[in-house]
Amino acid sequence: MSLAWQIRRGGLLEVKALLEIERLSFASPWSLWCFLGEFTNPVSNTLVAGPPPPQPWQTWGYIIFWLVAQEMHILNLAVHPQYRRRGLARALLSTALARAQDLKAKAAWLEVRPSNQPALALYTSFGFQEVGYRPHYYADNQEDALILTLSWAEDEASAPSPSP
């Protein structure tokens, strides 16, 4: 079954849905205060995905990223389990990368668990490359974090697209 969606800027109206998706997605989920802090942080951006009009809005997934000093730092990307494996995370990441590039970012980076194979596959399909790691980064199990980065040329017309 094909799934149509809309991606838009997220805010306080989505916080309850973001918390639910977060709790269903991560062993150490962000707290309400983490999300509220992002909504008040001037460098933070939240994009949410859900059904297109005229359907009533539901939040199916989100991405949160910072734009600082021409760099994009991807903090969090999650999709509700009911909507996974349908291209929604790919669409959120692609939209966020395009927005960052429109705002003159020259590179993107993130931390990811080595054990999170679906996330690693997604990021590498966009061209992200491992450049280092942070030892014992994750508090729940002391797992290291891989640091991935992606750079693009200033003269490109759009953000990097995933490889086929």
Protein backbone atom coordinates (compact mmCIF):
# COMPACT_ATOMS: atom_id res chain seq x y z
CA MET A 1 0.00 0.00 0.00
CA SER A 2 1.33 3.39 -1.02
CA LEU A 3 1.56 6.06 1.64
CA ALA A 4 1.21 9.77 0.85
CA TRP A 5 2.55 12.31 3.32
CA GLN A 6 3.21 15.96 3.94
CA ILE A 7 6.30 17.35 5.69
CA ARG A 8 6.04 20.62 7.56
CA ARG A 9 7.62 22.53 10.42
CA GLY A 10 6.75 21.04 13.80
CA GLY A 11 6.03 22.71 17.10
CA LEU A 12 4.27 22.46 20.43
CA LEU A 13 1.13 20.98 18.90
CA GLU A 14 3.10 17.83 18.04
CA VAL A 15 4.87 17.34 21.36
CA LYS A 16 2.58 14.56 22.62
CA ALA A 17 2.98 12.60 19.36
CA LEU A 18 6.76 13.19 19.35
CA LEU A 19 7.02 11.78 22.86
CA GLU A 20 5.05 8.68 21.85
CA ILE A 21 7.18 8.07 18.76
CA GLU A 22 10.34 8.68 20.80
CA ARG A 23 9.33 6.15 23.46
CA LEU A 24 8.47 3.56 20.83
CA SER A 25 11.78 4.12 19.01
CA PHE A 26 14.58 4.48 21.54
CA ALA A 27 15.85 2.66 24.63
CA SER A 28 16.71 6.04 26.22
CA PRO A 29 14.02 8.38 24.92
CA TRP A 30 14.19 12.14 25.15
CA SER A 31 12.12 13.71 27.90
CA LEU A 32 9.36 16.27 27.47
CA TRP A 33 11.88 18.90 28.57
CA CYS A 34 14.28 17.94 25.78
CA PHE A 35 11.58 18.51 23.17
CA LEU A 36 10.41 21.76 24.77
CA GLY A 37 14.01 22.96 24.83
CA GLU A 38 14.32 22.34 21.09
CA PHE A 39 11.19 24.38 20.39
CA THR A 40 12.72 27.38 22.19
CA ASN A 41 16.25 26.99 20.79
CA PRO A 42 16.81 29.50 17.95
CA VAL A 43 19.19 27.17 16.05
CA SER A 44 16.89 24.15 16.29
CA ASN A 45 14.56 22.99 13.53
CA THR A 46 11.85 20.35 13.79
CA LEU A 47 10.18 18.84 10.75
CA VAL A 48 7.22 16.49 11.09
CA ALA A 49 5.55 14.16 8.64
CA GLY A 50 1.92 13.17 8.49
CA PRO A 51 -1.02 12.72 6.13
CA PRO A 52 -1.69 15.33 3.45
CA PRO A 53 -4.86 17.42 3.49
CA PRO A 54 -7.76 16.96 3.62
CA GLN A 55 -7.02 14.20 6.14
CA PRO A 56 -6.81 15.26 9.80
CA TRP A 57 -3.22 15.78 10.95
CA GLN A 58 -1.38 12.95 12.70
CA THR A 59 2.35 12.97 13.34
CA TRP A 60 3.98 9.89 11.83
CA GLY A 61 7.64 10.87 12.14
CA TYR A 62 10.03 13.71 12.80
CA ILE A 63 13.56 15.00 12.42
CA ILE A 64 15.25 17.54 14.68
CA PHE A 65 18.41 19.32 13.60
CA TRP A 66 20.48 22.38 14.41
CA LEU A 67 21.96 24.85 11.97
CA VAL A 68 25.09 26.47 13.41
CA ALA A 69 28.04 28.08 11.62
CA GLN A 70 27.12 26.63 8.21
CA GLU A 71 26.83 23.13 9.68
CA MET A 72 23.81 20.96 10.18
CA HIS A 73 23.80 18.72 13.26
CA ILE A 74 21.12 16.03 13.09
CA LEU A 75 19.99 15.32 16.63
CA ASN A 76 17.06 12.97 16.25
CA LEU A 77 15.12 11.15 13.52
CA ALA A 78 12.30 8.73 14.26
CA VAL A 79 9.22 7.25 12.60
CA HIS A 80 6.30 5.64 14.38
CA PRO A 81 6.60 1.83 14.07
CA GLN A 82 3.29 1.67 12.19
CA TYR A 83 4.73 3.83 9.38
CA ARG A 84 8.27 2.45 9.08
CA ARG A 85 9.74 0.89 5.92
CA ARG A 86 7.67 3.17 3.66
CA GLY A 87 10.24 5.86 2.86
CA LEU A 88 9.21 8.35 5.52
CA ALA A 89 12.60 8.58 7.27
CA ARG A 90 14.24 9.00 3.85
CA ALA A 91 11.80 11.80 2.97
CA LEU A 92 12.36 13.57 6.31
CA LEU A 93 16.14 13.35 5.96
CA SER A 94 16.07 14.52 2.34
CA THR A 95 13.83 17.48 3.20
CA ALA A 96 16.00 18.45 6.17
CA LEU A 97 19.19 18.26 4.10
CA ALA A 98 17.61 20.42 1.38
CA ARG A 99 16.47 22.97 3.96
CA ALA A 100 19.93 23.09 5.53
CA GLN A 101 21.54 23.59 2.17
CA ASP A 102 19.05 26.35 1.31
CA LEU A 103 20.16 28.03 4.53
CA LYS A 104 23.81 27.85 3.38
CA ALA A 105 24.97 24.84 5.38
CA LYS A 106 28.02 23.22 3.82
CA ALA A 107 28.05 19.98 5.81
CA ALA A 108 25.90 17.76 7.97
CA TRP A 109 26.92 15.48 10.80
CA LEU A 110 25.36 13.22 13.42
CA GLU A 111 26.01 10.53 15.98
CA VAL A 112 24.49 7.07 15.60
CA ARG A 113 24.73 3.76 17.44
CA PRO A 114 26.83 1.15 15.60
CA SER A 115 24.08 -1.33 16.46
CA ASN A 116 21.43 0.74 14.65
CA GLN A 117 21.84 -0.92 11.27
CA PRO A 118 18.67 0.57 9.67
CA ALA A 119 19.84 4.10 10.52
CA LEU A 120 23.37 3.40 9.28
CA ALA A 121 21.98 2.06 6.00
CA LEU A 122 19.83 5.16 5.57
CA TYR A 123 22.66 7.60 6.26
CA THR A 124 25.21 5.81 4.08
CA SER A 125 22.68 5.73 1.22
CA PHE A 126 22.81 9.55 1.34
CA GLY A 127 26.61 9.54 1.27
CA PHE A 128 27.35 10.06 4.96
CA GLN A 129 30.77 8.72 5.93
CA GLU A 130 32.18 7.67 9.27
CA VAL A 131 34.80 10.11 10.54
CA GLY A 132 35.20 9.05 14.16
CA TYR A 133 33.44 7.84 17.26
CA ARG A 134 32.52 8.97 20.76
CA PRO A 135 33.39 6.31 23.37
CA HIS A 136 30.62 5.28 25.79
CA TYR A 137 28.30 7.96 24.34
CA TYR A 138 24.96 6.32 25.13
CA ALA A 139 24.07 6.35 28.82
CA ASP A 140 21.71 3.35 28.75
CA ASN A 141 24.35 0.77 27.75
CA GLN A 142 27.62 2.74 27.32
CA GLU A 143 27.60 1.99 23.58
CA ASP A 144 29.93 4.11 21.50
CA ALA A 145 28.53 6.54 18.94
CA LEU A 146 29.77 6.67 15.39
CA ILE A 147 30.23 10.18 14.02
CA LEU A 148 29.02 10.47 10.43
CA THR A 149 29.40 13.47 8.16
CA LEU A 150 28.26 14.60 4.74
CA SER A 151 29.59 17.56 2.77
CA TRP A 152 28.24 19.04 -0.42
CA ALA A 153 29.50 21.63 -2.88
CA GLU A 154 28.13 25.17 -2.61
CA ASP A 155 27.11 25.23 -6.27
CA GLU A 156 24.84 22.16 -6.15
CA ALA A 157 21.24 22.96 -6.95
CA SER A 158 19.81 20.66 -4.28
CA ALA A 159 20.77 18.62 -1.27
CA PRO A 160 22.31 15.20 -1.79
CA SER A 161 19.90 12.51 -2.87
CA PRO A 162 20.11 8.94 -1.72
CA SER A 163 21.82 6.48 -3.97
CA PRO A 164 19.53 4.02 -5.74
